[in-house]
N, C-alpha and C. Protein backbone atom coordinates (compact mmCIF):
# COMPACT_ATOMS: atom_id res chain seq x y z
N MET A 1 0.83 -1.21 0.00
CA MET A 1 0.00 0.00 0.00
C MET A 1 0.86 1.25 0.00
N SER A 2 1.90 1.25 0.83
CA SER A 2 2.75 2.43 0.91
C SER A 2 3.56 2.63 -0.37
N PHE A 3 3.91 1.52 -1.06
CA PHE A 3 4.63 1.65 -2.32
C PHE A 3 3.75 2.36 -3.35
N GLY A 4 2.49 1.93 -3.44
CA GLY A 4 1.57 2.57 -4.38
C GLY A 4 1.29 4.01 -4.01
N PHE A 5 1.14 4.26 -2.71
CA PHE A 5 0.90 5.62 -2.23
C PHE A 5 2.05 6.54 -2.61
N ALA A 6 3.27 6.09 -2.34
CA ALA A 6 4.45 6.91 -2.62
C ALA A 6 4.61 7.15 -4.11
N TRP A 7 4.36 6.11 -4.90
CA TRP A 7 4.53 6.27 -6.35
C TRP A 7 3.48 7.19 -6.94
N TYR A 8 2.21 6.95 -6.59
CA TYR A 8 1.15 7.69 -7.26
C TYR A 8 1.11 9.16 -6.86
N ARG A 9 1.33 9.44 -5.60
CA ARG A 9 1.13 10.82 -5.14
C ARG A 9 2.38 11.68 -5.21
N LEU A 10 3.55 11.08 -5.10
CA LEU A 10 4.74 11.91 -4.98
C LEU A 10 5.85 11.59 -5.97
N ASP A 11 5.78 10.46 -6.65
CA ASP A 11 6.89 10.08 -7.53
C ASP A 11 6.91 10.94 -8.79
N PRO A 12 8.05 11.51 -9.17
CA PRO A 12 8.12 12.36 -10.35
C PRO A 12 7.84 11.64 -11.66
N THR A 13 8.18 10.33 -11.74
CA THR A 13 7.93 9.61 -12.98
C THR A 13 6.44 9.42 -13.21
N ARG A 14 5.66 9.31 -12.14
CA ARG A 14 4.21 9.21 -12.31
C ARG A 14 3.64 10.51 -12.85
N HIS A 15 4.11 11.64 -12.30
CA HIS A 15 3.66 12.94 -12.81
C HIS A 15 4.07 13.13 -14.26
N ALA A 16 5.15 12.47 -14.69
CA ALA A 16 5.60 12.61 -16.07
C ALA A 16 4.56 12.08 -17.05
N TYR A 17 3.77 11.08 -16.64
CA TYR A 17 2.72 10.59 -17.52
C TYR A 17 1.80 11.72 -17.92
N VAL A 18 1.44 12.55 -16.95
CA VAL A 18 0.49 13.64 -17.20
C VAL A 18 1.19 14.85 -17.78
N SER A 19 2.27 15.27 -17.18
CA SER A 19 2.91 16.53 -17.58
C SER A 19 3.47 16.47 -19.00
N CYS A 20 3.99 15.32 -19.40
CA CYS A 20 4.56 15.22 -20.75
C CYS A 20 3.49 15.25 -21.83
N ALA A 21 2.32 14.73 -21.52
CA ALA A 21 1.26 14.66 -22.53
C ALA A 21 0.28 15.82 -22.45
N LEU A 22 -0.10 16.21 -21.24
CA LEU A 22 -1.13 17.25 -21.08
C LEU A 22 -0.57 18.56 -20.57
N GLY A 23 0.65 18.55 -20.04
CA GLY A 23 1.21 19.76 -19.48
C GLY A 23 1.16 19.76 -17.96
N ILE A 24 2.07 20.49 -17.35
CA ILE A 24 2.16 20.55 -15.89
C ILE A 24 0.87 21.03 -15.23
N PRO A 25 0.15 22.03 -15.77
CA PRO A 25 -1.09 22.47 -15.11
C PRO A 25 -2.14 21.38 -14.95
N SER A 26 -2.08 20.34 -15.78
CA SER A 26 -3.09 19.28 -15.72
C SER A 26 -2.84 18.29 -14.59
N VAL A 27 -1.63 18.30 -14.02
CA VAL A 27 -1.30 17.35 -12.95
C VAL A 27 -2.25 17.53 -11.78
N GLY A 28 -2.51 18.77 -11.41
CA GLY A 28 -3.40 19.04 -10.28
C GLY A 28 -4.82 18.55 -10.51
N TYR A 29 -5.33 18.71 -11.73
CA TYR A 29 -6.69 18.27 -12.03
C TYR A 29 -6.80 16.75 -11.97
N VAL A 30 -5.78 16.07 -12.47
CA VAL A 30 -5.80 14.61 -12.42
C VAL A 30 -5.74 14.13 -10.97
N MET A 31 -4.97 14.80 -10.14
CA MET A 31 -4.90 14.44 -8.72
C MET A 31 -6.21 14.72 -8.00
N ILE A 32 -6.91 15.78 -8.42
CA ILE A 32 -8.23 16.07 -7.84
C ILE A 32 -9.18 14.92 -8.12
N CYS A 33 -9.13 14.40 -9.34
CA CYS A 33 -9.98 13.26 -9.70
C CYS A 33 -9.69 12.08 -8.79
N PHE A 34 -8.41 11.81 -8.56
CA PHE A 34 -8.02 10.72 -7.66
C PHE A 34 -8.59 10.95 -6.26
N GLY A 35 -8.41 12.15 -5.73
CA GLY A 35 -8.85 12.44 -4.36
C GLY A 35 -10.35 12.34 -4.18
N VAL A 36 -11.11 12.84 -5.16
CA VAL A 36 -12.57 12.81 -5.07
C VAL A 36 -13.07 11.36 -5.10
N VAL A 37 -12.58 10.58 -6.06
CA VAL A 37 -13.01 9.18 -6.15
C VAL A 37 -12.58 8.41 -4.91
N ASN A 38 -11.38 8.67 -4.42
CA ASN A 38 -10.88 7.99 -3.23
C ASN A 38 -11.77 8.26 -2.03
N ALA A 39 -12.16 9.51 -1.84
CA ALA A 39 -13.00 9.88 -0.69
C ALA A 39 -14.39 9.24 -0.79
N ILE A 40 -14.98 9.29 -1.99
CA ILE A 40 -16.32 8.72 -2.17
C ILE A 40 -16.30 7.22 -1.94
N CYS A 41 -15.32 6.54 -2.54
CA CYS A 41 -15.25 5.08 -2.41
C CYS A 41 -14.92 4.66 -0.98
N SER A 42 -14.15 5.44 -0.26
CA SER A 42 -13.85 5.10 1.13
C SER A 42 -15.13 5.06 1.96
N VAL A 43 -16.02 6.01 1.74
CA VAL A 43 -17.30 6.02 2.45
C VAL A 43 -18.16 4.84 2.01
N LEU A 44 -18.22 4.58 0.71
CA LEU A 44 -19.06 3.50 0.19
C LEU A 44 -18.56 2.14 0.64
N PHE A 45 -17.26 1.92 0.58
CA PHE A 45 -16.72 0.60 0.94
C PHE A 45 -16.89 0.31 2.42
N GLY A 46 -16.83 1.33 3.26
CA GLY A 46 -17.05 1.12 4.68
C GLY A 46 -18.43 0.56 4.96
N SER A 47 -19.43 1.04 4.22
CA SER A 47 -20.80 0.55 4.38
C SER A 47 -21.02 -0.76 3.63
N LEU A 48 -20.40 -0.87 2.46
CA LEU A 48 -20.60 -2.06 1.62
C LEU A 48 -20.04 -3.32 2.27
N MET A 49 -19.01 -3.18 3.09
CA MET A 49 -18.40 -4.34 3.72
C MET A 49 -19.39 -5.10 4.60
N LYS A 50 -20.37 -4.39 5.16
CA LYS A 50 -21.36 -5.03 6.02
C LYS A 50 -22.22 -6.02 5.23
N PHE A 51 -22.32 -5.82 3.92
CA PHE A 51 -23.19 -6.66 3.10
C PHE A 51 -22.43 -7.71 2.30
N VAL A 52 -21.25 -7.40 1.82
CA VAL A 52 -20.52 -8.34 0.97
C VAL A 52 -19.31 -8.95 1.65
N GLY A 53 -18.90 -8.40 2.79
CA GLY A 53 -17.72 -8.91 3.47
C GLY A 53 -16.44 -8.23 3.02
N ARG A 54 -15.37 -8.54 3.72
CA ARG A 54 -14.09 -7.90 3.44
C ARG A 54 -13.37 -8.51 2.24
N SER A 55 -13.43 -9.82 2.08
CA SER A 55 -12.65 -10.49 1.03
C SER A 55 -13.00 -10.03 -0.38
N PRO A 56 -14.30 -9.89 -0.74
CA PRO A 56 -14.60 -9.40 -2.09
C PRO A 56 -14.04 -8.00 -2.36
N LEU A 57 -14.06 -7.15 -1.35
CA LEU A 57 -13.52 -5.80 -1.53
C LEU A 57 -12.01 -5.83 -1.69
N MET A 58 -11.34 -6.67 -0.91
CA MET A 58 -9.89 -6.80 -1.05
C MET A 58 -9.54 -7.35 -2.43
N ALA A 59 -10.33 -8.29 -2.91
CA ALA A 59 -10.11 -8.83 -4.26
C ALA A 59 -10.30 -7.74 -5.30
N LEU A 60 -11.32 -6.90 -5.10
CA LEU A 60 -11.56 -5.80 -6.03
C LEU A 60 -10.36 -4.86 -6.09
N GLY A 61 -9.84 -4.48 -4.92
CA GLY A 61 -8.69 -3.58 -4.88
C GLY A 61 -7.48 -4.18 -5.56
N ALA A 62 -7.23 -5.47 -5.31
CA ALA A 62 -6.07 -6.13 -5.91
C ALA A 62 -6.20 -6.21 -7.42
N VAL A 63 -7.39 -6.57 -7.90
CA VAL A 63 -7.60 -6.69 -9.35
C VAL A 63 -7.48 -5.34 -10.03
N VAL A 64 -8.10 -4.31 -9.44
CA VAL A 64 -8.05 -2.97 -10.04
C VAL A 64 -6.61 -2.49 -10.16
N HIS A 65 -5.85 -2.61 -9.10
CA HIS A 65 -4.47 -2.12 -9.15
C HIS A 65 -3.59 -2.98 -10.05
N ALA A 66 -3.81 -4.29 -10.07
CA ALA A 66 -3.02 -5.15 -10.96
C ALA A 66 -3.30 -4.82 -12.42
N VAL A 67 -4.57 -4.62 -12.75
CA VAL A 67 -4.92 -4.26 -14.13
C VAL A 67 -4.34 -2.90 -14.51
N LEU A 68 -4.43 -1.94 -13.59
CA LEU A 68 -3.90 -0.61 -13.88
C LEU A 68 -2.39 -0.63 -14.08
N ILE A 69 -1.69 -1.42 -13.28
CA ILE A 69 -0.24 -1.53 -13.46
C ILE A 69 0.07 -2.13 -14.82
N GLY A 70 -0.70 -3.15 -15.23
CA GLY A 70 -0.51 -3.72 -16.55
C GLY A 70 -0.78 -2.71 -17.66
N VAL A 71 -1.82 -1.91 -17.48
CA VAL A 71 -2.14 -0.87 -18.47
C VAL A 71 -1.01 0.15 -18.56
N LEU A 72 -0.51 0.58 -17.42
CA LEU A 72 0.57 1.57 -17.41
C LEU A 72 1.85 1.03 -18.03
N LEU A 73 2.07 -0.28 -17.93
CA LEU A 73 3.25 -0.87 -18.55
C LEU A 73 3.17 -0.85 -20.08
N MET A 74 1.96 -0.94 -20.61
CA MET A 74 1.79 -0.99 -22.07
C MET A 74 1.34 0.33 -22.68
N TRP A 75 0.84 1.23 -21.85
CA TRP A 75 0.22 2.46 -22.34
C TRP A 75 1.26 3.47 -22.81
N ARG A 76 0.92 4.18 -23.88
CA ARG A 76 1.73 5.29 -24.36
C ARG A 76 0.88 6.55 -24.29
N PRO A 77 1.13 7.42 -23.31
CA PRO A 77 0.29 8.62 -23.13
C PRO A 77 0.24 9.47 -24.39
N HIS A 78 -0.95 9.99 -24.66
CA HIS A 78 -1.14 10.84 -25.84
C HIS A 78 -2.05 12.00 -25.47
N PRO A 79 -1.72 13.21 -25.88
CA PRO A 79 -2.53 14.38 -25.50
C PRO A 79 -3.94 14.38 -26.08
N ASP A 80 -4.19 13.55 -27.10
CA ASP A 80 -5.52 13.49 -27.69
C ASP A 80 -6.49 12.64 -26.88
N SER A 81 -6.03 12.01 -25.82
CA SER A 81 -6.90 11.15 -25.00
C SER A 81 -6.85 11.58 -23.54
N PRO A 82 -7.31 12.79 -23.24
CA PRO A 82 -7.22 13.28 -21.85
C PRO A 82 -8.08 12.50 -20.87
N LEU A 83 -9.20 11.94 -21.35
CA LEU A 83 -10.09 11.22 -20.44
C LEU A 83 -9.43 9.96 -19.87
N VAL A 84 -8.50 9.39 -20.63
CA VAL A 84 -7.81 8.19 -20.15
C VAL A 84 -7.03 8.49 -18.88
N PHE A 85 -6.42 9.66 -18.82
CA PHE A 85 -5.64 10.05 -17.64
C PHE A 85 -6.54 10.13 -16.41
N PHE A 86 -7.73 10.71 -16.59
CA PHE A 86 -8.65 10.86 -15.47
C PHE A 86 -9.25 9.50 -15.07
N ALA A 87 -9.48 8.64 -16.07
CA ALA A 87 -10.01 7.31 -15.77
C ALA A 87 -9.02 6.49 -14.95
N ILE A 88 -7.75 6.53 -15.35
CA ILE A 88 -6.72 5.80 -14.61
C ILE A 88 -6.58 6.36 -13.20
N SER A 89 -6.59 7.68 -13.09
CA SER A 89 -6.47 8.32 -11.78
C SER A 89 -7.63 7.94 -10.87
N GLY A 90 -8.85 7.98 -11.42
CA GLY A 90 -10.02 7.62 -10.63
C GLY A 90 -10.01 6.17 -10.20
N LEU A 91 -9.63 5.27 -11.11
CA LEU A 91 -9.59 3.85 -10.76
C LEU A 91 -8.51 3.56 -9.74
N TRP A 92 -7.40 4.29 -9.83
CA TRP A 92 -6.38 4.11 -8.79
C TRP A 92 -6.92 4.53 -7.43
N GLY A 93 -7.76 5.55 -7.43
CA GLY A 93 -8.40 5.98 -6.19
C GLY A 93 -9.34 4.93 -5.63
N VAL A 94 -10.00 4.17 -6.53
CA VAL A 94 -10.87 3.08 -6.09
C VAL A 94 -10.06 2.02 -5.34
N GLY A 95 -8.95 1.59 -5.95
CA GLY A 95 -8.11 0.59 -5.30
C GLY A 95 -7.52 1.09 -4.00
N ASP A 96 -7.08 2.34 -3.99
CA ASP A 96 -6.49 2.91 -2.77
C ASP A 96 -7.53 3.00 -1.65
N ALA A 97 -8.78 3.28 -2.01
CA ALA A 97 -9.84 3.34 -1.00
C ALA A 97 -10.05 1.99 -0.34
N VAL A 98 -9.90 0.92 -1.11
CA VAL A 98 -10.01 -0.42 -0.53
C VAL A 98 -8.93 -0.63 0.52
N TRP A 99 -7.69 -0.31 0.18
CA TRP A 99 -6.60 -0.52 1.14
C TRP A 99 -6.77 0.35 2.38
N GLN A 100 -7.15 1.60 2.19
CA GLN A 100 -7.26 2.52 3.32
C GLN A 100 -8.34 2.10 4.31
N THR A 101 -9.42 1.52 3.82
CA THR A 101 -10.53 1.13 4.70
C THR A 101 -10.41 -0.30 5.20
N GLN A 102 -10.14 -1.24 4.30
CA GLN A 102 -10.21 -2.65 4.67
C GLN A 102 -8.99 -3.13 5.44
N VAL A 103 -7.81 -2.60 5.14
CA VAL A 103 -6.63 -3.02 5.90
C VAL A 103 -6.74 -2.57 7.35
N ASN A 104 -7.21 -1.33 7.55
CA ASN A 104 -7.41 -0.86 8.92
C ASN A 104 -8.48 -1.69 9.63
N GLY A 105 -9.56 -2.01 8.92
CA GLY A 105 -10.60 -2.85 9.50
C GLY A 105 -10.10 -4.24 9.84
N LEU A 106 -9.23 -4.78 8.99
CA LEU A 106 -8.67 -6.11 9.25
C LEU A 106 -7.84 -6.11 10.52
N TYR A 107 -7.03 -5.10 10.71
CA TYR A 107 -6.23 -5.01 11.94
C TYR A 107 -7.13 -4.89 13.16
N GLY A 108 -8.20 -4.11 13.06
CA GLY A 108 -9.11 -3.98 14.18
C GLY A 108 -9.79 -5.28 14.54
N THR A 109 -10.05 -6.11 13.53
CA THR A 109 -10.69 -7.41 13.77
C THR A 109 -9.74 -8.42 14.37
N LEU A 110 -8.53 -8.44 13.87
CA LEU A 110 -7.56 -9.45 14.31
C LEU A 110 -6.96 -9.16 15.68
N PHE A 111 -6.87 -7.88 16.03
CA PHE A 111 -6.17 -7.50 17.27
C PHE A 111 -7.06 -6.63 18.15
N ARG A 112 -8.23 -7.16 18.49
CA ARG A 112 -9.17 -6.37 19.28
C ARG A 112 -8.61 -6.02 20.66
N ARG A 113 -7.78 -6.89 21.22
CA ARG A 113 -7.27 -6.67 22.57
C ARG A 113 -5.95 -5.91 22.58
N ASN A 114 -5.30 -5.84 21.45
CA ASN A 114 -3.99 -5.18 21.38
C ASN A 114 -3.94 -4.20 20.22
N LYS A 115 -4.96 -3.37 20.12
CA LYS A 115 -5.06 -2.47 18.97
C LYS A 115 -3.91 -1.48 18.92
N GLU A 116 -3.50 -0.97 20.09
CA GLU A 116 -2.43 0.04 20.08
C GLU A 116 -1.15 -0.53 19.49
N ALA A 117 -0.76 -1.71 19.97
CA ALA A 117 0.46 -2.33 19.46
C ALA A 117 0.32 -2.72 18.00
N ALA A 118 -0.87 -3.22 17.64
CA ALA A 118 -1.09 -3.67 16.26
C ALA A 118 -0.98 -2.51 15.27
N PHE A 119 -1.67 -1.41 15.57
CA PHE A 119 -1.65 -0.28 14.65
C PHE A 119 -0.30 0.43 14.66
N SER A 120 0.40 0.39 15.78
CA SER A 120 1.75 0.94 15.81
C SER A 120 2.67 0.15 14.89
N ASN A 121 2.53 -1.17 14.95
CA ASN A 121 3.33 -2.03 14.08
C ASN A 121 2.96 -1.82 12.62
N TYR A 122 1.67 -1.66 12.36
CA TYR A 122 1.20 -1.41 11.00
C TYR A 122 1.79 -0.12 10.44
N ARG A 123 1.74 0.94 11.22
CA ARG A 123 2.28 2.23 10.77
C ARG A 123 3.80 2.18 10.61
N LEU A 124 4.45 1.38 11.45
CA LEU A 124 5.90 1.24 11.33
C LEU A 124 6.27 0.67 9.97
N TRP A 125 5.61 -0.43 9.59
CA TRP A 125 5.94 -1.06 8.32
C TRP A 125 5.45 -0.23 7.14
N GLU A 126 4.35 0.48 7.31
CA GLU A 126 3.90 1.38 6.25
C GLU A 126 4.94 2.48 6.01
N SER A 127 5.46 3.04 7.08
CA SER A 127 6.49 4.08 6.96
C SER A 127 7.77 3.51 6.36
N ALA A 128 8.10 2.27 6.72
CA ALA A 128 9.27 1.63 6.12
C ALA A 128 9.10 1.48 4.62
N GLY A 129 7.86 1.18 4.20
CA GLY A 129 7.59 1.10 2.77
C GLY A 129 7.79 2.43 2.07
N PHE A 130 7.35 3.51 2.73
CA PHE A 130 7.59 4.85 2.16
C PHE A 130 9.08 5.11 1.98
N VAL A 131 9.85 4.78 3.02
CA VAL A 131 11.29 5.03 2.97
C VAL A 131 11.93 4.28 1.81
N VAL A 132 11.58 3.01 1.67
CA VAL A 132 12.16 2.20 0.58
C VAL A 132 11.75 2.76 -0.78
N ALA A 133 10.46 3.10 -0.92
CA ALA A 133 9.97 3.62 -2.20
C ALA A 133 10.64 4.93 -2.57
N TYR A 134 10.79 5.82 -1.59
CA TYR A 134 11.46 7.10 -1.87
C TYR A 134 12.94 6.90 -2.14
N ALA A 135 13.55 5.90 -1.49
CA ALA A 135 14.98 5.67 -1.65
C ALA A 135 15.32 5.24 -3.08
N TYR A 136 14.47 4.39 -3.67
CA TYR A 136 14.78 3.93 -5.02
C TYR A 136 14.14 4.79 -6.12
N SER A 137 13.35 5.79 -5.72
CA SER A 137 12.60 6.57 -6.72
C SER A 137 13.49 7.29 -7.72
N THR A 138 14.67 7.70 -7.32
CA THR A 138 15.57 8.42 -8.23
C THR A 138 16.56 7.49 -8.93
N HIS A 139 16.48 6.19 -8.64
CA HIS A 139 17.44 5.25 -9.21
C HIS A 139 16.81 4.28 -10.21
N LEU A 140 15.48 4.18 -10.23
CA LEU A 140 14.81 3.27 -11.14
C LEU A 140 13.92 4.03 -12.10
N CYS A 141 13.76 3.49 -13.29
CA CYS A 141 12.84 4.10 -14.25
C CYS A 141 11.41 3.73 -13.90
N ALA A 142 10.46 4.38 -14.57
CA ALA A 142 9.04 4.16 -14.25
C ALA A 142 8.64 2.71 -14.47
N ARG A 143 9.15 2.09 -15.50
CA ARG A 143 8.78 0.71 -15.80
C ARG A 143 9.21 -0.24 -14.69
N MET A 144 10.43 -0.07 -14.20
CA MET A 144 10.92 -0.92 -13.12
C MET A 144 10.13 -0.70 -11.83
N LYS A 145 9.73 0.53 -11.59
CA LYS A 145 8.93 0.82 -10.39
C LYS A 145 7.57 0.11 -10.47
N LEU A 146 7.01 0.06 -11.66
CA LEU A 146 5.74 -0.64 -11.83
C LEU A 146 5.90 -2.13 -11.57
N TYR A 147 7.00 -2.70 -12.03
CA TYR A 147 7.25 -4.12 -11.75
C TYR A 147 7.43 -4.36 -10.25
N VAL A 148 8.10 -3.46 -9.57
CA VAL A 148 8.27 -3.59 -8.12
C VAL A 148 6.91 -3.55 -7.43
N MET A 149 6.06 -2.60 -7.83
CA MET A 149 4.73 -2.50 -7.21
C MET A 149 3.90 -3.74 -7.48
N LEU A 150 3.97 -4.28 -8.70
CA LEU A 150 3.22 -5.48 -9.02
C LEU A 150 3.70 -6.66 -8.18
N SER A 151 4.99 -6.78 -7.99
CA SER A 151 5.54 -7.87 -7.16
C SER A 151 5.10 -7.74 -5.71
N VAL A 152 5.17 -6.52 -5.17
CA VAL A 152 4.74 -6.29 -3.79
C VAL A 152 3.25 -6.56 -3.64
N LEU A 153 2.46 -6.18 -4.66
CA LEU A 153 1.02 -6.44 -4.62
C LEU A 153 0.74 -7.93 -4.56
N MET A 154 1.43 -8.72 -5.37
CA MET A 154 1.22 -10.17 -5.38
C MET A 154 1.60 -10.79 -4.04
N ILE A 155 2.71 -10.34 -3.47
CA ILE A 155 3.12 -10.85 -2.15
C ILE A 155 2.08 -10.49 -1.10
N GLY A 156 1.57 -9.26 -1.16
CA GLY A 156 0.55 -8.83 -0.21
C GLY A 156 -0.73 -9.64 -0.32
N VAL A 157 -1.14 -9.97 -1.54
CA VAL A 157 -2.36 -10.76 -1.74
C VAL A 157 -2.18 -12.16 -1.15
N VAL A 158 -1.03 -12.76 -1.39
CA VAL A 158 -0.77 -14.09 -0.82
C VAL A 158 -0.78 -14.03 0.71
N GLY A 159 -0.17 -12.99 1.27
CA GLY A 159 -0.17 -12.84 2.72
C GLY A 159 -1.57 -12.64 3.27
N TYR A 160 -2.40 -11.87 2.57
CA TYR A 160 -3.78 -11.64 3.03
C TYR A 160 -4.57 -12.94 3.01
N ILE A 161 -4.44 -13.72 1.95
CA ILE A 161 -5.16 -14.99 1.86
C ILE A 161 -4.76 -15.90 3.02
N LEU A 162 -3.48 -15.93 3.35
CA LEU A 162 -3.01 -16.76 4.46
C LEU A 162 -3.60 -16.28 5.78
N VAL A 163 -3.64 -14.97 6.00
CA VAL A 163 -4.20 -14.42 7.24
C VAL A 163 -5.68 -14.77 7.36
N GLU A 164 -6.43 -14.61 6.27
CA GLU A 164 -7.86 -14.93 6.30
C GLU A 164 -8.08 -16.42 6.58
N PHE A 165 -7.24 -17.26 5.99
CA PHE A 165 -7.37 -18.70 6.22
C PHE A 165 -7.15 -19.05 7.69
N LEU A 166 -6.10 -18.49 8.28
CA LEU A 166 -5.81 -18.76 9.69
C LEU A 166 -6.91 -18.20 10.60
N HIS A 167 -7.44 -17.03 10.23
CA HIS A 167 -8.50 -16.42 11.03
C HIS A 167 -9.77 -17.27 10.99
N MET A 168 -10.13 -17.77 9.80
CA MET A 168 -11.32 -18.60 9.68
C MET A 168 -11.13 -19.93 10.41
N ARG A 169 -9.93 -20.49 10.36
CA ARG A 169 -9.68 -21.73 11.07
C ARG A 169 -9.82 -21.53 12.57
N LYS A 170 -9.36 -20.39 13.07
CA LYS A 170 -9.49 -20.10 14.49
C LYS A 170 -10.96 -19.94 14.88
N LYS A 171 -11.74 -19.27 14.04
CA LYS A 171 -13.16 -19.09 14.33
C LYS A 171 -13.89 -20.43 14.35
N ARG A 172 -13.55 -21.31 13.42
CA ARG A 172 -14.20 -22.63 13.41
C ARG A 172 -13.84 -23.42 14.67
N ARG A 173 -12.59 -23.30 15.10
CA ARG A 173 -12.17 -24.01 16.32
C ARG A 173 -12.90 -23.45 17.54
N MET A 174 -13.07 -22.14 17.59
CA MET A 174 -13.80 -21.54 18.70
C MET A 174 -15.25 -22.01 18.73
N LYS A 175 -15.84 -22.15 17.54
CA LYS A 175 -17.22 -22.61 17.47
C LYS A 175 -17.35 -24.03 17.97
N ARG A 176 -16.39 -24.89 17.61
CA ARG A 176 -16.43 -26.27 18.09
C ARG A 176 -16.27 -26.34 19.60
N LEU A 177 -15.39 -25.51 20.14
CA LEU A 177 -15.21 -25.49 21.59
C LEU A 177 -16.48 -25.02 22.30
N ALA A 178 -17.17 -24.05 21.70
CA ALA A 178 -18.40 -23.55 22.30
C ALA A 178 -19.49 -24.61 22.30
N GLU A 179 -19.47 -25.49 21.29
CA GLU A 179 -20.49 -26.53 21.19
C GLU A 179 -20.13 -27.78 21.98
N ASP A 180 -18.88 -27.89 22.41
CA ASP A 180 -18.42 -29.08 23.13
C ASP A 180 -17.82 -28.65 24.47
N PRO A 181 -18.62 -28.67 25.55
CA PRO A 181 -18.13 -28.22 26.87
C PRO A 181 -16.90 -28.98 27.34
N LYS A 182 -16.83 -30.28 27.06
CA LYS A 182 -15.69 -31.06 27.50
C LYS A 182 -14.40 -30.58 26.83
N ALA A 183 -14.49 -30.34 25.52
CA ALA A 183 -13.31 -29.85 24.80
C ALA A 183 -12.92 -28.47 25.29
N ALA A 184 -13.93 -27.66 25.63
CA ALA A 184 -13.65 -26.31 26.14
C ALA A 184 -12.90 -26.38 27.46
N LYS A 185 -13.32 -27.32 28.34
CA LYS A 185 -12.64 -27.46 29.63
C LYS A 185 -11.20 -27.92 29.43
N GLU A 186 -11.01 -28.84 28.50
CA GLU A 186 -9.65 -29.31 28.22
C GLU A 186 -8.78 -28.18 27.68
N ALA A 187 -9.37 -27.37 26.81
CA ALA A 187 -8.63 -26.24 26.25
C ALA A 187 -8.29 -25.23 27.33
N ALA A 188 -9.25 -25.00 28.25
CA ALA A 188 -9.01 -24.06 29.35
C ALA A 188 -7.89 -24.56 30.25
N ALA A 189 -7.90 -25.88 30.51
CA ALA A 189 -6.84 -26.46 31.35
C ALA A 189 -5.48 -26.33 30.68
N ALA A 190 -5.47 -26.55 29.37
CA ALA A 190 -4.20 -26.43 28.63
C ALA A 190 -3.71 -24.99 28.64
N ALA A 191 -4.66 -24.06 28.50
CA ALA A 191 -4.28 -22.64 28.52
C ALA A 191 -3.73 -22.25 29.89
N GLU A 192 -4.36 -22.79 30.95
CA GLU A 192 -3.88 -22.48 32.30
C GLU A 192 -2.49 -23.05 32.52
N ALA A 193 -2.26 -24.26 32.00
CA ALA A 193 -0.94 -24.87 32.13
C ALA A 193 0.12 -24.08 31.37
N ALA A 194 -0.32 -23.43 30.29
CA ALA A 194 0.62 -22.62 29.49
C ALA A 194 0.72 -21.20 30.01
N ASN A 195 0.07 -20.92 31.16
CA ASN A 195 0.11 -19.59 31.79
C ASN A 195 -0.49 -18.51 30.90
N VAL A 196 -1.56 -18.84 30.16
CA VAL A 196 -2.27 -17.83 29.38
C VAL A 196 -3.10 -17.00 30.33
N PRO A 197 -2.94 -15.68 30.39
CA PRO A 197 -3.68 -14.86 31.35
C PRO A 197 -5.17 -14.88 31.09
N ALA A 198 -5.94 -14.95 32.17
CA ALA A 198 -7.40 -14.92 32.05
C ALA A 198 -7.88 -13.49 31.98
N VAL A 199 -8.93 -13.25 31.16
CA VAL A 199 -9.50 -11.92 31.01
C VAL A 199 -11.00 -12.05 31.17
N GLU A 200 -11.60 -11.29 32.06
CA GLU A 200 -13.01 -11.46 32.36
C GLU A 200 -13.74 -10.15 32.59
N GLU A 201 -13.59 -9.18 31.77
CA GLU A 201 -14.25 -7.91 32.03
C GLU A 201 -15.43 -7.66 31.10
N THR A 202 -15.22 -7.74 29.82
CA THR A 202 -16.28 -7.45 28.87
C THR A 202 -16.44 -8.62 27.93
N ASP A 203 -17.52 -8.60 27.13
CA ASP A 203 -17.75 -9.68 26.16
C ASP A 203 -16.61 -9.75 25.16
N ASP A 204 -16.18 -8.58 24.68
CA ASP A 204 -15.08 -8.56 23.70
C ASP A 204 -13.81 -9.14 24.29
N GLU A 205 -13.52 -8.77 25.53
CA GLU A 205 -12.32 -9.27 26.16
C GLU A 205 -12.42 -10.76 26.43
N GLN A 206 -13.62 -11.24 26.75
CA GLN A 206 -13.80 -12.67 26.96
C GLN A 206 -13.58 -13.42 25.65
N ASP A 207 -14.05 -12.84 24.55
CA ASP A 207 -13.81 -13.44 23.24
C ASP A 207 -12.32 -13.55 22.98
N GLU A 208 -11.57 -12.51 23.35
CA GLU A 208 -10.13 -12.54 23.12
C GLU A 208 -9.45 -13.56 24.02
N ALA A 209 -9.97 -13.76 25.22
CA ALA A 209 -9.43 -14.80 26.08
C ALA A 209 -9.64 -16.16 25.43
N ASP A 210 -10.82 -16.36 24.83
CA ASP A 210 -11.07 -17.59 24.09
C ASP A 210 -10.10 -17.73 22.93
N ASP A 211 -9.80 -16.60 22.28
CA ASP A 211 -8.83 -16.62 21.18
C ASP A 211 -7.49 -17.13 21.66
N ASP A 212 -7.06 -16.69 22.86
CA ASP A 212 -5.79 -17.14 23.40
C ASP A 212 -5.78 -18.66 23.58
N ILE A 213 -6.92 -19.20 24.00
CA ILE A 213 -7.02 -20.65 24.17
C ILE A 213 -6.84 -21.35 22.83
N ILE A 214 -7.47 -20.79 21.79
CA ILE A 214 -7.38 -21.41 20.47
C ILE A 214 -5.95 -21.35 19.96
N VAL A 215 -5.33 -20.20 20.12
CA VAL A 215 -3.96 -20.03 19.64
C VAL A 215 -3.03 -21.05 20.30
N THR A 216 -3.30 -21.35 21.57
CA THR A 216 -2.47 -22.32 22.28
C THR A 216 -2.53 -23.69 21.63
N HIS A 217 -3.69 -24.03 21.05
CA HIS A 217 -3.88 -25.36 20.48
C HIS A 217 -3.55 -25.41 19.00
N LEU A 218 -3.46 -24.25 18.31
CA LEU A 218 -3.20 -24.26 16.87
C LEU A 218 -1.75 -24.62 16.59
């Protein structure tokens, strides 16, 4: 996400797509298109997730950005096609809106009991991505940067699929424990033997205590 953010908003080679074909004054208008679409889609995706779930939206973001990177690799900007610039900018905003809303939501779901540490870690690696992207921005051509972004996108998609798989497996295990009191007692005893701290204040915290039991057995 940070690689795409750094490239699209601040990288000079990205601005070259617009400035070389339409002129420097058009860069701002193309960025406005990105910002407007990004803001609208961020609001829509936050509500849409309640109906379709997180995975379809993440798939949408990955497909949109992968297709756009492929288009940019083959595209030759031409001043006679100004709408193409705005279309690409707007679609990039759609994909970015997915990452901005769903990745944050994913962290909130996975780390309900340790949100501060989780989001601190998230921002740390996001900032590290910015540093790396800015560090190579003056040493690589636009084409190589697109290949780097595509590679990082593919790695991120594989990582997301793995996280969702592990999360669903944990939820299924929790459901089985809830339906089988004997297994739940055995899991609780194992957790106690492993010195897993008990938490008993709120429903959410109790759920997280159950999560600790599951993690002990996974």
